[in-house]
Amino acid sequence: MRDKTHLSQIERWAKYVKENPDKWKAKVKPFMDSQIITSRRFYKNLTQTEEGRKKIIELRNIKNNKIIESLLGAK
C-alpha cells in the first residue's frame, strides 16, 4: 500500500479535475499526445522485422488467425 501522501495527492488531483474541467485537460493533453505518438512509433518500428511482428502478436495477445497472417504474411 502506498503512503498517505500519495492518496492525498490523488484526492487533490480529483478535486482539481472536478473543479476545473477545462484547465486539467490542457495540462494533460500534451503528455497524453506524446505517449500515443511514442507508442505508435514503437509499434511501427516493431513491424519492420518478422521478430518484431511476432513480438506484437505476443504483446497484444492476438489470437485471430487473419490478423496473425496479415502481420506475418500468408505462407
Protein backbone atom coordinates (compact mmCIF):
# COMPACT_ATOMS: atom_id res chain seq x y z
CA MET A 1 0.00 0.00 0.00
CA ARG A 2 1.27 3.46 -0.82
CA ASP A 3 1.68 6.09 1.84
CA LYS A 4 -0.86 8.73 2.83
CA THR A 5 0.85 11.46 0.81
CA HIS A 6 0.14 9.52 -2.38
CA LEU A 7 -3.54 9.17 -1.52
CA SER A 8 -3.63 12.83 -0.58
CA GLN A 9 -2.18 13.80 -3.97
CA ILE A 10 -4.78 11.67 -5.77
CA GLU A 11 -7.56 13.34 -3.79
CA ARG A 12 -6.19 16.83 -4.59
CA TRP A 13 -5.96 15.95 -8.29
CA ALA A 14 -9.52 14.55 -8.33
CA LYS A 15 -10.80 17.74 -6.70
CA TYR A 16 -8.88 19.87 -9.22
CA VAL A 17 -10.32 17.88 -12.13
CA LYS A 18 -13.87 18.28 -10.82
CA GLU A 19 -13.47 22.00 -10.19
CA ASN A 20 -11.53 22.79 -13.40
CA PRO A 21 -12.85 20.55 -16.18
CA ASP A 22 -11.22 22.58 -18.97
CA LYS A 23 -7.91 23.51 -17.33
CA TRP A 24 -6.80 20.00 -16.41
CA LYS A 25 -7.30 18.75 -19.97
CA ALA A 26 -4.96 21.43 -21.31
CA LYS A 27 -2.32 20.36 -18.78
CA VAL A 28 -2.58 16.63 -19.52
CA LYS A 29 -3.18 16.68 -23.30
CA PRO A 30 0.45 17.31 -24.39
CA PHE A 31 1.66 14.45 -22.19
CA MET A 32 -1.03 12.04 -23.42
CA ASP A 33 -0.40 13.01 -27.05
CA SER A 34 3.32 12.32 -26.65
CA GLN A 35 2.59 8.92 -25.10
CA ILE A 36 0.37 7.97 -28.04
CA ILE A 37 2.95 9.16 -30.58
CA THR A 38 5.72 7.22 -28.82
CA SER A 39 3.58 4.07 -28.71
CA ARG A 40 2.71 4.30 -32.41
CA ARG A 41 6.37 4.82 -33.29
CA PHE A 42 7.35 1.82 -31.17
CA TYR A 43 4.84 -0.48 -32.88
CA LYS A 44 5.75 0.86 -36.33
CA ASN A 45 9.40 0.02 -35.64
CA LEU A 46 8.42 -3.47 -34.46
CA THR A 47 6.63 -4.15 -37.75
CA GLN A 48 9.89 -3.76 -39.67
CA THR A 49 11.10 -7.28 -38.84
CA GLU A 50 9.45 -10.68 -38.57
CA GLU A 51 10.70 -11.00 -35.00
CA GLY A 52 9.10 -7.65 -34.21
CA ARG A 53 5.79 -8.70 -35.76
CA LYS A 54 5.87 -11.89 -33.69
CA LYS A 55 6.50 -9.76 -30.61
CA ILE A 56 3.42 -7.65 -31.43
CA ILE A 57 1.33 -10.82 -31.63
CA GLU A 58 2.69 -11.88 -28.26
CA LEU A 59 2.37 -8.47 -26.57
CA ARG A 60 -1.16 -7.86 -27.81
CA ASN A 61 -2.17 -11.49 -27.21
CA ILE A 62 -3.54 -11.72 -30.74
CA LYS A 63 -5.43 -14.95 -31.41
CA ASN A 64 -7.24 -14.06 -34.63
CA ASN A 65 -5.60 -16.07 -37.45
CA LYS A 66 -6.46 -13.49 -40.11
CA ILE A 67 -4.69 -10.76 -38.17
CA ILE A 68 -1.71 -13.04 -37.50
CA GLU A 69 -1.50 -13.91 -41.19
CA SER A 70 -1.68 -10.23 -42.15
CA LEU A 71 1.19 -9.45 -39.79
CA LEU A 72 3.37 -12.40 -40.75
CA GLY A 73 2.30 -12.77 -44.37
CA ALA A 74 0.38 -15.73 -45.76
CA LYS A 75 2.58 -18.72 -46.49
